Amino acid sequence: MKVRIRSAVIGFAVAAMLSVAACEQPLSNTAKGAGGGAILGAGTGALIGSATGAGAGKGALIGGGLGALGGGLIGHSMDNQQQQNDQTQQQLQGQQQQIEQQRRELQQMRQQQTTE
């Protein structure tokens, strides 16, 4: 019983620290994924460890580690996708500016031809 209470207190403390850290600065998707994965993994691991007799603390540690790794990998993939989307958007804006510039030049050329 003491182990379960201790594991629960540790889990809540970790969750509270992550929540405070999230409020202080904007987190990347990698950090968010790792934090969320760690919390979910630790909770799931504690339940499984408790149910199988391996111990809630041991299950929470293993589940938290695996959850953090998996969540971090997924978050990292999302960060990479966002970066690619941002680059594509910048390229599109640059091309739109070039098209507008060429459109203005064509109008000037047409006006010059009609005045000649």
Protein backbone atom coordinates (compact mmCIF):
# COMPACT_ATOMS: atom_id res chain seq x y z
CA MET A 1 0.00 0.00 0.00
CA LYS A 2 2.87 2.38 0.84
CA VAL A 3 4.42 1.70 -2.57
CA ARG A 4 1.19 2.59 -4.36
CA ILE A 5 0.83 5.83 -2.43
CA ARG A 6 4.47 6.71 -3.03
CA SER A 7 4.12 5.95 -6.76
CA ALA A 8 0.98 8.05 -6.98
CA VAL A 9 2.65 10.97 -5.19
CA ILE A 10 5.68 10.76 -7.47
CA GLY A 11 3.43 10.59 -10.54
CA PHE A 12 1.46 13.64 -9.49
CA ALA A 13 4.67 15.53 -8.69
CA VAL A 14 6.10 14.78 -12.12
CA ALA A 15 2.84 15.82 -13.78
CA ALA A 16 2.80 19.06 -11.78
CA MET A 17 6.40 19.86 -12.74
CA LEU A 18 5.64 19.25 -16.41
CA SER A 19 2.56 21.45 -16.19
CA VAL A 20 4.54 24.30 -14.63
CA ALA A 21 7.29 23.94 -17.22
CA ALA A 22 4.71 24.06 -20.01
CA CYS A 23 3.33 27.35 -18.69
CA GLU A 24 6.72 29.06 -18.60
CA GLN A 25 7.70 28.71 -22.23
CA PRO A 26 6.22 27.43 -25.47
CA LEU A 27 7.12 23.78 -25.93
CA SER A 28 7.89 22.04 -29.18
CA ASN A 29 5.76 19.13 -30.28
CA THR A 30 8.71 16.89 -29.40
CA ALA A 31 8.69 18.08 -25.78
CA LYS A 32 4.90 17.96 -25.57
CA GLY A 33 4.85 14.44 -26.99
CA ALA A 34 7.58 13.23 -24.66
CA GLY A 35 5.85 14.73 -21.62
CA GLY A 36 2.42 13.45 -22.53
CA GLY A 37 3.78 10.05 -23.47
CA ALA A 38 5.68 9.82 -20.20
CA ILE A 39 2.59 10.64 -18.15
CA LEU A 40 0.33 8.25 -20.05
CA GLY A 41 3.00 5.55 -20.13
CA ALA A 42 3.71 5.87 -16.42
CA GLY A 43 0.03 5.64 -15.55
CA THR A 44 -0.52 2.67 -17.82
CA GLY A 45 2.69 1.01 -16.63
CA ALA A 46 1.71 1.49 -12.99
CA LEU A 47 -1.66 -0.15 -13.61
CA ILE A 48 -0.15 -3.07 -15.52
CA GLY A 49 2.69 -3.49 -13.02
CA SER A 50 0.24 -3.50 -10.15
CA ALA A 51 -2.07 -5.97 -11.87
CA THR A 52 0.71 -8.38 -12.81
CA GLY A 53 2.44 -8.24 -9.45
CA ALA A 54 5.64 -6.71 -10.83
CA GLY A 55 5.02 -3.55 -8.83
CA ALA A 56 3.41 -0.26 -9.69
CA GLY A 57 6.66 1.68 -9.33
CA LYS A 58 8.60 -0.57 -11.68
CA GLY A 59 5.73 -0.54 -14.19
CA ALA A 60 5.49 3.24 -13.98
CA LEU A 61 9.21 3.65 -14.65
CA ILE A 62 9.19 1.31 -17.63
CA GLY A 63 5.93 2.68 -19.03
CA GLY A 64 7.04 6.27 -18.48
CA GLY A 65 10.30 5.69 -20.32
CA LEU A 66 8.66 3.95 -23.24
CA GLY A 67 5.88 6.54 -23.35
CA ALA A 68 8.36 9.40 -23.36
CA LEU A 69 10.34 7.80 -26.16
CA GLY A 70 7.28 7.08 -28.29
CA GLY A 71 5.69 10.47 -27.65
CA GLY A 72 8.96 12.25 -28.35
CA LEU A 73 9.38 10.45 -31.67
CA ILE A 74 5.85 11.30 -32.76
CA GLY A 75 6.27 14.92 -31.64
CA HIS A 76 9.58 15.18 -33.50
CA SER A 77 7.89 13.96 -36.65
CA MET A 78 5.20 16.61 -36.19
CA ASP A 79 7.86 19.32 -35.71
CA ASN A 80 9.57 18.24 -38.94
CA GLN A 81 6.26 18.32 -40.81
CA GLN A 82 5.50 21.79 -39.47
CA GLN A 83 8.92 23.02 -40.57
CA GLN A 84 8.34 21.63 -44.08
CA ASN A 85 4.92 23.28 -44.21
CA ASP A 86 6.42 26.62 -43.14
CA GLN A 87 9.10 26.38 -45.85
CA THR A 88 6.50 25.54 -48.49
CA GLN A 89 4.36 28.48 -47.37
CA GLN A 90 7.34 30.84 -47.64
CA GLN A 91 8.08 29.57 -51.14
CA LEU A 92 4.47 30.09 -52.18
CA GLN A 93 4.48 33.65 -50.86
CA GLY A 94 7.69 34.38 -52.74
CA GLN A 95 6.23 33.01 -55.96
CA GLN A 96 3.05 35.04 -55.51
CA GLN A 97 5.13 38.18 -55.10
CA GLN A 98 7.03 37.38 -58.29
CA ILE A 99 3.78 36.82 -60.19
CA GLU A 100 2.42 40.16 -58.99
CA GLN A 101 5.63 41.92 -60.01
CA GLN A 102 5.50 40.33 -63.47
CA ARG A 103 1.83 41.25 -63.81
CA ARG A 104 2.67 44.90 -63.05
CA GLU A 105 5.53 44.86 -65.56
CA LEU A 106 3.21 43.45 -68.24
CA GLN A 107 0.67 46.20 -67.56
CA GLN A 108 3.39 48.84 -67.87
CA MET A 109 4.57 47.34 -71.14
CA ARG A 110 1.02 47.30 -72.52
CA GLN A 111 0.51 50.91 -71.52
CA GLN A 112 3.75 51.90 -73.20
CA GLN A 113 2.71 50.13 -76.41
CA THR A 114 -0.67 51.85 -76.50
CA THR A 115 0.89 55.29 -75.98
CA GLU A 116 3.42 54.81 -78.80
